[in-house]
Amino acid sequence: MGDGIEIVETGSGDGLEQAVADRPQPGAGGGDRSLRVIAAIVGYSAVLALGTIVLLLWGPLDGAPAIRTLIPQWQMFIAFCVLWAA
């Protein structure tokens, strides 16, 4: 175990410096790819938001009557509480 400590302290191991130098750095390179991924995510989110707005303003529900309630609000509250507890 003493040899391992000496190699680490003095840096005179068999290729120890080379192994450390060959390791890829976490922040190095790939910047263009990560920017493209971020831009794609932002673009996709924008398309979804615009599509939602278009559907709400000019979609099939434009001018549709209000939806009638099938069960009262308190009964729906109880159903949600029971389902959440399960």
PDB file of N, CA and C in Angstrom:
ATOM      1  N   MET A   1       0.831  -1.187   0.000  1.00  0.00           N
ATOM      2  CA  MET A   1       0.000   0.000   0.000  1.00  0.00           C
ATOM      3  C   MET A   1       0.875   1.249   0.000  1.00  0.00           C
ATOM      4  N   GLY A   2       2.062   1.157   0.560  1.00  0.00           N
ATOM      5  CA  GLY A   2       2.971   2.292   0.583  1.00  0.00           C
ATOM      6  C   GLY A   2       3.382   2.711  -0.819  1.00  0.00           C
ATOM      7  N   ASP A   3       3.537   1.758  -1.744  1.00  0.00           N
ATOM      8  CA  ASP A   3       3.919   2.090  -3.120  1.00  0.00           C
ATOM      9  C   ASP A   3       2.826   2.904  -3.811  1.00  0.00           C
ATOM     10  N   GLY A   4       1.573   2.550  -3.542  1.00  0.00           N
ATOM     11  CA  GLY A   4       0.461   3.284  -4.152  1.00  0.00           C
ATOM     12  C   GLY A   4       0.409   4.724  -3.685  1.00  0.00           C
ATOM     13  N   ILE A   5       0.680   4.948  -2.404  1.00  0.00           N
ATOM     14  CA  ILE A   5       0.682   6.304  -1.875  1.00  0.00           C
ATOM     15  C   ILE A   5       1.847   7.091  -2.468  1.00  0.00           C
ATOM     16  N   GLU A   6       2.997   6.438  -2.578  1.00  0.00           N
ATOM     17  CA  GLU A   6       4.165   7.117  -3.146  1.00  0.00           C
ATOM     18  C   GLU A   6       3.918   7.499  -4.611  1.00  0.00           C
ATOM     19  N   ILE A   7       3.278   6.618  -5.366  1.00  0.00           N
ATOM     20  CA  ILE A   7       3.002   6.906  -6.773  1.00  0.00           C
ATOM     21  C   ILE A   7       2.060   8.101  -6.887  1.00  0.00           C
ATOM     22  N   VAL A   8       1.045   8.136  -6.040  1.00  0.00           N
ATOM     23  CA  VAL A   8       0.086   9.238  -6.096  1.00  0.00           C
ATOM     24  C   VAL A   8       0.739  10.541  -5.665  1.00  0.00           C
ATOM     25  N   GLU A   9       1.578  10.485  -4.617  1.00  0.00           N
ATOM     26  CA  GLU A   9       2.209  11.710  -4.123  1.00  0.00           C
ATOM     27  C   GLU A   9       3.247  12.257  -5.090  1.00  0.00           C
ATOM     28  N   THR A  10       4.055  11.393  -5.636  1.00  0.00           N
ATOM     29  CA  THR A  10       5.136  11.864  -6.510  1.00  0.00           C
ATOM     30  C   THR A  10       4.711  11.945  -7.966  1.00  0.00           C
ATOM     31  N   GLY A  11       3.656  11.240  -8.333  1.00  0.00           N
ATOM     32  CA  GLY A  11       3.196  11.255  -9.713  1.00  0.00           C
ATOM     33  C   GLY A  11       4.084  10.457 -10.636  1.00  0.00           C
ATOM     34  N   SER A  12       4.865   9.537 -10.084  1.00  0.00           N
ATOM     35  CA  SER A  12       5.793   8.768 -10.920  1.00  0.00           C
ATOM     36  C   SER A  12       5.269   7.351 -11.101  1.00  0.00           C
ATOM     37  N   GLY A  13       4.089   7.217 -11.588  1.00  0.00           N
ATOM     38  CA  GLY A  13       3.539   5.891 -11.833  1.00  0.00           C
ATOM     39  C   GLY A  13       3.628   5.532 -13.292  1.00  0.00           C
ATOM     40  N   ASP A  14       3.240   4.330 -13.623  1.00  0.00           N
ATOM     41  CA  ASP A  14       3.267   3.886 -15.016  1.00  0.00           C
ATOM     42  C   ASP A  14       2.051   4.468 -15.741  1.00  0.00           C
ATOM     43  N   GLY A  15       2.233   5.599 -16.346  1.00  0.00           N
ATOM     44  CA  GLY A  15       1.154   6.203 -17.123  1.00  0.00           C
ATOM     45  C   GLY A  15       0.104   6.900 -16.293  1.00  0.00           C
ATOM     46  N   LEU A  16       0.410   7.221 -15.039  1.00  0.00           N
ATOM     47  CA  LEU A  16      -0.577   7.876 -14.181  1.00  0.00           C
ATOM     48  C   LEU A  16      -0.938   9.245 -14.727  1.00  0.00           C
ATOM     49  N   GLU A  17       0.067   9.991 -15.169  1.00  0.00           N
ATOM     50  CA  GLU A  17      -0.205  11.317 -15.713  1.00  0.00           C
ATOM     51  C   GLU A  17      -1.010  11.217 -17.000  1.00  0.00           C
ATOM     52  N   GLN A  18      -0.680  10.223 -17.797  1.00  0.00           N
ATOM     53  CA  GLN A  18      -1.385  10.046 -19.072  1.00  0.00           C
ATOM     54  C   GLN A  18      -2.842   9.682 -18.828  1.00  0.00           C
ATOM     55  N   ALA A  19      -3.110   8.835 -17.845  1.00  0.00           N
ATOM     56  CA  ALA A  19      -4.484   8.430 -17.560  1.00  0.00           C
ATOM     57  C   ALA A  19      -5.311   9.616 -17.098  1.00  0.00           C
ATOM     58  N   VAL A  20      -4.727  10.491 -16.296  1.00  0.00           N
ATOM     59  CA  VAL A  20      -5.436  11.669 -15.818  1.00  0.00           C
ATOM     60  C   VAL A  20      -5.654  12.648 -16.961  1.00  0.00           C
ATOM     61  N   ALA A  21      -4.666  12.786 -17.844  1.00  0.00           N
ATOM     62  CA  ALA A  21      -4.774  13.731 -18.954  1.00  0.00           C
ATOM     63  C   ALA A  21      -5.770  13.256 -20.002  1.00  0.00           C
ATOM     64  N   ASP A  22      -5.933  11.950 -20.158  1.00  0.00           N
ATOM     65  CA  ASP A  22      -6.833  11.414 -21.186  1.00  0.00           C
ATOM     66  C   ASP A  22      -8.301  11.448 -20.780  1.00  0.00           C
ATOM     67  N   ARG A  23      -8.580  11.651 -19.514  1.00  0.00           N
ATOM     68  CA  ARG A  23      -9.971  11.683 -19.068  1.00  0.00           C
ATOM     69  C   ARG A  23     -10.705  12.866 -19.669  1.00  0.00           C
ATOM     70  N   PRO A  24     -11.919  12.636 -20.183  1.00  0.00           N
ATOM     71  CA  PRO A  24     -12.669  13.781 -20.720  1.00  0.00           C
ATOM     72  C   PRO A  24     -13.148  14.683 -19.590  1.00  0.00           C
ATOM     73  N   GLN A  25     -13.035  15.964 -19.808  1.00  0.00           N
ATOM     74  CA  GLN A  25     -13.475  16.931 -18.807  1.00  0.00           C
ATOM     75  C   GLN A  25     -14.988  17.102 -18.920  1.00  0.00           C
ATOM     76  N   PRO A  26     -15.696  17.245 -17.773  1.00  0.00           N
ATOM     77  CA  PRO A  26     -17.152  17.318 -17.820  1.00  0.00           C
ATOM     78  C   PRO A  26     -17.678  18.528 -18.578  1.00  0.00           C
ATOM     79  N   GLY A  27     -17.013  19.659 -18.522  1.00  0.00           N
ATOM     80  CA  GLY A  27     -17.519  20.848 -19.183  1.00  0.00           C
ATOM     81  C   GLY A  27     -16.927  21.075 -20.560  1.00  0.00           C
ATOM     82  N   ALA A  28     -16.056  20.186 -21.016  1.00  0.00           N
ATOM     83  CA  ALA A  28     -15.364  20.409 -22.273  1.00  0.00           C
ATOM     84  C   ALA A  28     -16.123  19.782 -23.435  1.00  0.00           C
ATOM     85  N   GLY A  29     -16.269  20.534 -24.531  1.00  0.00           N
ATOM     86  CA  GLY A  29     -16.869  20.005 -25.748  1.00  0.00           C
ATOM     87  C   GLY A  29     -18.358  19.748 -25.607  1.00  0.00           C
ATOM     88  N   GLY A  30     -18.991  19.452 -26.711  1.00  0.00           N
ATOM     89  CA  GLY A  30     -20.407  19.123 -26.716  1.00  0.00           C
ATOM     90  C   GLY A  30     -21.313  20.312 -26.469  1.00  0.00           C
ATOM     91  N   GLY A  31     -20.764  21.512 -26.475  1.00  0.00           N
ATOM     92  CA  GLY A  31     -21.567  22.697 -26.212  1.00  0.00           C
ATOM     93  C   GLY A  31     -22.606  22.924 -27.293  1.00  0.00           C
ATOM     94  N   ASP A  32     -22.222  22.666 -28.541  1.00  0.00           N
ATOM     95  CA  ASP A  32     -23.152  22.860 -29.648  1.00  0.00           C
ATOM     96  C   ASP A  32     -24.318  21.887 -29.548  1.00  0.00           C
ATOM     97  N   ARG A  33     -24.029  20.669 -29.160  1.00  0.00           N
ATOM     98  CA  ARG A  33     -25.086  19.658 -29.047  1.00  0.00           C
ATOM     99  C   ARG A  33     -26.048  19.997 -27.926  1.00  0.00           C
ATOM    100  N   SER A  34     -25.538  20.443 -26.784  1.00  0.00           N
ATOM    101  CA  SER A  34     -26.417  20.767 -25.674  1.00  0.00           C
ATOM    102  C   SER A  34     -27.273  21.988 -25.999  1.00  0.00           C
ATOM    103  N   LEU A  35     -26.725  22.945 -26.744  1.00  0.00           N
ATOM    104  CA  LEU A  35     -27.526  24.095 -27.154  1.00  0.00           C
ATOM    105  C   LEU A  35     -28.637  23.679 -28.102  1.00  0.00           C
ATOM    106  N   ARG A  36     -28.344  22.729 -28.994  1.00  0.00           N
ATOM    107  CA  ARG A  36     -29.386  22.247 -29.904  1.00  0.00           C
ATOM    108  C   ARG A  36     -30.484  21.518 -29.152  1.00  0.00           C
ATOM    109  N   VAL A  37     -30.114  20.748 -28.139  1.00  0.00           N
ATOM    110  CA  VAL A  37     -31.115  20.025 -27.347  1.00  0.00           C
ATOM    111  C   VAL A  37     -32.001  21.016 -26.597  1.00  0.00           C
ATOM    112  N   ILE A  38     -31.396  22.012 -25.995  1.00  0.00           N
ATOM    113  CA  ILE A  38     -32.172  23.022 -25.267  1.00  0.00           C
ATOM    114  C   ILE A  38     -33.079  23.781 -26.229  1.00  0.00           C
ATOM    115  N   ALA A  39     -32.553  24.149 -27.391  1.00  0.00           N
ATOM    116  CA  ALA A  39     -33.368  24.865 -28.381  1.00  0.00           C
ATOM    117  C   ALA A  39     -34.524  23.994 -28.868  1.00  0.00           C
ATOM    118  N   ALA A  40     -34.286  22.705 -29.042  1.00  0.00           N
ATOM    119  CA  ALA A  40     -35.351  21.807 -29.479  1.00  0.00           C
ATOM    120  C   ALA A  40     -36.439  21.694 -28.415  1.00  0.00           C
ATOM    121  N   ILE A  41     -36.051  21.620 -27.151  1.00  0.00           N
ATOM    122  CA  ILE A  41     -37.029  21.526 -26.071  1.00  0.00           C
ATOM    123  C   ILE A  41     -37.857  22.799 -25.985  1.00  0.00           C
ATOM    124  N   VAL A  42     -37.189  23.942 -26.067  1.00  0.00           N
ATOM    125  CA  VAL A  42     -37.909  25.225 -26.008  1.00  0.00           C
ATOM    126  C   VAL A  42     -38.826  25.366 -27.216  1.00  0.00           C
ATOM    127  N   GLY A  43     -38.348  24.994 -28.388  1.00  0.00           N
ATOM    128  CA  GLY A  43     -39.172  25.066 -29.597  1.00  0.00           C
ATOM    129  C   GLY A  43     -40.388  24.168 -29.519  1.00  0.00           C
ATOM    130  N   TYR A  44     -40.197  22.958 -29.046  1.00  0.00           N
ATOM    131  CA  TYR A  44     -41.317  22.019 -28.905  1.00  0.00           C
ATOM    132  C   TYR A  44     -42.344  22.547 -27.909  1.00  0.00           C
ATOM    133  N   SER A  45     -41.886  23.104 -26.804  1.00  0.00           N
ATOM    134  CA  SER A  45     -42.803  23.673 -25.819  1.00  0.00           C
ATOM    135  C   SER A  45     -43.578  24.846 -26.409  1.00  0.00           C
ATOM    136  N   ALA A  46     -42.910  25.677 -27.203  1.00  0.00           N
ATOM    137  CA  ALA A  46     -43.585  26.809 -27.841  1.00  0.00           C
ATOM    138  C   ALA A  46     -44.641  26.333 -28.836  1.00  0.00           C
ATOM    139  N   VAL A  47     -44.331  25.298 -29.616  1.00  0.00           N
ATOM    140  CA  VAL A  47     -45.306  24.754 -30.561  1.00  0.00           C
ATOM    141  C   VAL A  47     -46.521  24.202 -29.820  1.00  0.00           C
ATOM    142  N   LEU A  48     -46.302  23.501 -28.715  1.00  0.00           N
ATOM    143  CA  LEU A  48     -47.421  22.989 -27.931  1.00  0.00           C
ATOM    144  C   LEU A  48     -48.277  24.113 -27.362  1.00  0.00           C
ATOM    145  N   ALA A  49     -47.638  25.170 -26.864  1.00  0.00           N
ATOM    146  CA  ALA A  49     -48.381  26.300 -26.307  1.00  0.00           C
ATOM    147  C   ALA A  49     -49.201  26.995 -27.393  1.00  0.00           C
ATOM    148  N   LEU A  50     -48.599  27.239 -28.556  1.00  0.00           N
ATOM    149  CA  LEU A  50     -49.333  27.870 -29.654  1.00  0.00           C
ATOM    150  C   LEU A  50     -50.470  26.986 -30.157  1.00  0.00           C
ATOM    151  N   GLY A  51     -50.233  25.692 -30.229  1.00  0.00           N
ATOM    152  CA  GLY A  51     -51.293  24.768 -30.635  1.00  0.00           C
ATOM    153  C   GLY A  51     -52.457  24.776 -29.661  1.00  0.00           C
ATOM    154  N   THR A  52     -52.167  24.864 -28.383  1.00  0.00           N
ATOM    155  CA  THR A  52     -53.222  24.929 -27.374  1.00  0.00           C
ATOM    156  C   THR A  52     -54.038  26.204 -27.528  1.00  0.00           C
ATOM    157  N   ILE A  53     -53.348  27.319 -27.743  1.00  0.00           N
ATOM    158  CA  ILE A  53     -54.055  28.590 -27.915  1.00  0.00           C
ATOM    159  C   ILE A  53     -54.936  28.557 -29.160  1.00  0.00           C
ATOM    160  N   VAL A  54     -54.403  28.025 -30.252  1.00  0.00           N
ATOM    161  CA  VAL A  54     -55.187  27.942 -31.487  1.00  0.00           C
ATOM    162  C   VAL A  54     -56.416  27.068 -31.288  1.00  0.00           C
ATOM    163  N   LEU A  55     -56.252  25.929 -30.640  1.00  0.00           N
ATOM    164  CA  LEU A  55     -57.396  25.044 -30.413  1.00  0.00           C
ATOM    165  C   LEU A  55     -58.436  25.681 -29.504  1.00  0.00           C
ATOM    166  N   LEU A  56     -57.993  26.433 -28.512  1.00  0.00           N
ATOM    167  CA  LEU A  56     -58.956  27.076 -27.621  1.00  0.00           C
ATOM    168  C   LEU A  56     -59.717  28.209 -28.321  1.00  0.00           C
ATOM    169  N   LEU A  57     -59.035  28.962 -29.166  1.00  0.00           N
ATOM    170  CA  LEU A  57     -59.684  30.103 -29.806  1.00  0.00           C
ATOM    171  C   LEU A  57     -60.488  29.718 -31.046  1.00  0.00           C
ATOM    172  N   TRP A  58     -59.956  28.812 -31.858  1.00  0.00           N
ATOM    173  CA  TRP A  58     -60.612  28.501 -33.123  1.00  0.00           C
ATOM    174  C   TRP A  58     -60.859  27.010 -33.330  1.00  0.00           C
ATOM    175  N   GLY A  59     -60.734  26.227 -32.297  1.00  0.00           N
ATOM    176  CA  GLY A  59     -60.859  24.784 -32.421  1.00  0.00           C
ATOM    177  C   GLY A  59     -62.306  24.293 -32.376  1.00  0.00           C
ATOM    178  N   PRO A  60     -62.482  23.008 -32.222  1.00  0.00           N
ATOM    179  CA  PRO A  60     -63.822  22.413 -32.241  1.00  0.00           C
ATOM    180  C   PRO A  60     -64.688  22.821 -31.047  1.00  0.00           C
ATOM    181  N   LEU A  61     -64.105  23.333 -29.982  1.00  0.00           N
ATOM    182  CA  LEU A  61     -64.904  23.739 -28.820  1.00  0.00           C
ATOM    183  C   LEU A  61     -65.302  25.208 -28.878  1.00  0.00           C
ATOM    184  N   ASP A  62     -64.908  25.902 -29.937  1.00  0.00           N
ATOM    185  CA  ASP A  62     -65.267  27.307 -30.076  1.00  0.00           C
ATOM    186  C   ASP A  62     -66.783  27.426 -30.244  1.00  0.00           C
ATOM    187  N   GLY A  63     -67.431  28.120 -29.332  1.00  0.00           N
ATOM    188  CA  GLY A  63     -68.879  28.315 -29.388  1.00  0.00           C
ATOM    189  C   GLY A  63     -69.680  27.142 -28.851  1.00  0.00           C
ATOM    190  N   ALA A  64     -69.022  26.153 -28.305  1.00  0.00           N
ATOM    191  CA  ALA A  64     -69.739  25.000 -27.749  1.00  0.00           C
ATOM    192  C   ALA A  64     -70.418  25.409 -26.448  1.00  0.00           C
ATOM    193  N   PRO A  65     -71.575  24.821 -26.176  1.00  0.00           N
ATOM    194  CA  PRO A  65     -72.262  25.158 -24.927  1.00  0.00           C
ATOM    195  C   PRO A  65     -71.495  24.621 -23.715  1.00  0.00           C
ATOM    196  N   ALA A  66     -71.862  25.119 -22.557  1.00  0.00           N
ATOM    197  CA  ALA A  66     -71.217  24.669 -21.319  1.00  0.00           C
ATOM    198  C   ALA A  66     -71.528  23.188 -21.078  1.00  0.00           C
ATOM    199  N   ILE A  67     -70.593  22.530 -20.463  1.00  0.00           N
ATOM    200  CA  ILE A  67     -70.770  21.107 -20.153  1.00  0.00           C
ATOM    201  C   ILE A  67     -71.650  20.989 -18.913  1.00  0.00           C
ATOM    202  N   ARG A  68     -72.667  20.163 -19.002  1.00  0.00           N
ATOM    203  CA  ARG A  68     -73.556  20.008 -17.840  1.00  0.00           C
ATOM    204  C   ARG A  68     -72.900  19.066 -16.837  1.00  0.00           C
ATOM    205  N   THR A  69     -73.156  19.316 -15.579  1.00  0.00           N
ATOM    206  CA  THR A  69     -72.575  18.474 -14.540  1.00  0.00           C
ATOM    207  C   THR A  69     -73.406  17.222 -14.364  1.00  0.00           C
ATOM    208  N   LEU A  70     -72.740  16.104 -14.268  1.00  0.00           N
ATOM    209  CA  LEU A  70     -73.425  14.831 -14.096  1.00  0.00           C
ATOM    210  C   LEU A  70     -73.660  14.510 -12.625  1.00  0.00           C
ATOM    211  N   ILE A  71     -72.732  14.909 -11.777  1.00  0.00           N
ATOM    212  CA  ILE A  71     -72.908  14.714 -10.344  1.00  0.00           C
ATOM    213  C   ILE A  71     -72.537  16.016  -9.643  1.00  0.00           C
ATOM    214  N   PRO A  72     -73.118  16.278  -8.464  1.00  0.00           N
ATOM    215  CA  PRO A  72     -72.806  17.518  -7.746  1.00  0.00           C
ATOM    216  C   PRO A  72     -71.336  17.587  -7.326  1.00  0.00           C
ATOM    217  N   GLN A  73     -70.897  18.793  -7.043  1.00  0.00           N
ATOM    218  CA  GLN A  73     -69.489  19.033  -6.731  1.00  0.00           C
ATOM    219  C   GLN A  73     -69.060  18.311  -5.462  1.00  0.00           C
ATOM    220  N   TRP A  74     -69.861  18.273  -4.429  1.00  0.00           N
ATOM    221  CA  TRP A  74     -69.467  17.628  -3.176  1.00  0.00           C
ATOM    222  C   TRP A  74     -69.300  16.130  -3.365  1.00  0.00           C
ATOM    223  N   GLN A  75     -70.120  15.506  -4.221  1.00  0.00           N
ATOM    224  CA  GLN A  75     -69.957  14.073  -4.473  1.00  0.00           C
ATOM    225  C   GLN A  75     -68.650  13.799  -5.235  1.00  0.00           C
ATOM    226  N   MET A  76     -68.314  14.684  -6.151  1.00  0.00           N
ATOM    227  CA  MET A  76     -67.048  14.535  -6.881  1.00  0.00           C
ATOM    228  C   MET A  76     -65.867  14.720  -5.933  1.00  0.00           C
ATOM    229  N   PHE A  77     -65.985  15.659  -4.996  1.00  0.00           N
ATOM    230  CA  PHE A  77     -64.936  15.866  -3.998  1.00  0.00           C
ATOM    231  C   PHE A  77     -64.723  14.598  -3.178  1.00  0.00           C
ATOM    232  N   ILE A  78     -65.808  13.978  -2.740  1.00  0.00           N
ATOM    233  CA  ILE A  78     -65.706  12.735  -1.959  1.00  0.00           C
ATOM    234  C   ILE A  78     -65.073  11.630  -2.803  1.00  0.00           C
ATOM    235  N   ALA A  79     -65.457  11.534  -4.071  1.00  0.00           N
ATOM    236  CA  ALA A  79     -64.884  10.501  -4.944  1.00  0.00           C
ATOM    237  C   ALA A  79     -63.380  10.714  -5.114  1.00  0.00           C
ATOM    238  N   PHE A  80     -62.957  11.962  -5.299  1.00  0.00           N
ATOM    239  CA  PHE A  80     -61.522  12.229  -5.420  1.00  0.00           C
ATOM    240  C   PHE A  80     -60.777  11.900  -4.137  1.00  0.00           C
ATOM    241  N   CYS A  81     -61.368  12.229  -2.996  1.00  0.00           N
ATOM    242  CA  CYS A  81     -60.714  11.927  -1.714  1.00  0.00           C
ATOM    243  C   CYS A  81     -60.557  10.414  -1.526  1.00  0.00           C
ATOM    244  N   VAL A  82     -61.604   9.665  -1.878  1.00  0.00           N
ATOM    245  CA  VAL A  82     -61.536   8.204  -1.725  1.00  0.00           C
ATOM    246  C   VAL A  82     -60.491   7.617  -2.670  1.00  0.00           C
ATOM    247  N   LEU A  83     -60.478   8.103  -3.918  1.00  0.00           N
ATOM    248  CA  LEU A  83     -59.487   7.597  -4.870  1.00  0.00           C
ATOM    249  C   LEU A  83     -58.063   7.977  -4.477  1.00  0.00           C
ATOM    250  N   TRP A  84     -57.894   9.190  -3.914  1.00  0.00           N
ATOM    251  CA  TRP A  84     -56.567   9.618  -3.493  1.00  0.00           C
ATOM    252  C   TRP A  84     -56.085   8.794  -2.304  1.00  0.00           C
ATOM    253  N   ALA A  85     -56.995   8.472  -1.388  1.00  0.00           N
ATOM    254  CA  ALA A  85     -56.624   7.695  -0.196  1.00  0.00           C
ATOM    255  C   ALA A  85     -56.296   6.239  -0.568  1.00  0.00           C
ATOM    256  N   ALA A  86     -56.893   5.750  -1.646  1.00  0.00           N
ATOM    257  CA  ALA A  86     -56.648   4.366  -2.056  1.00  0.00           C
ATOM    258  C   ALA A  86     -55.322   4.291  -2.708  1.00  0.00           C
TER     259      ALA A  86
END
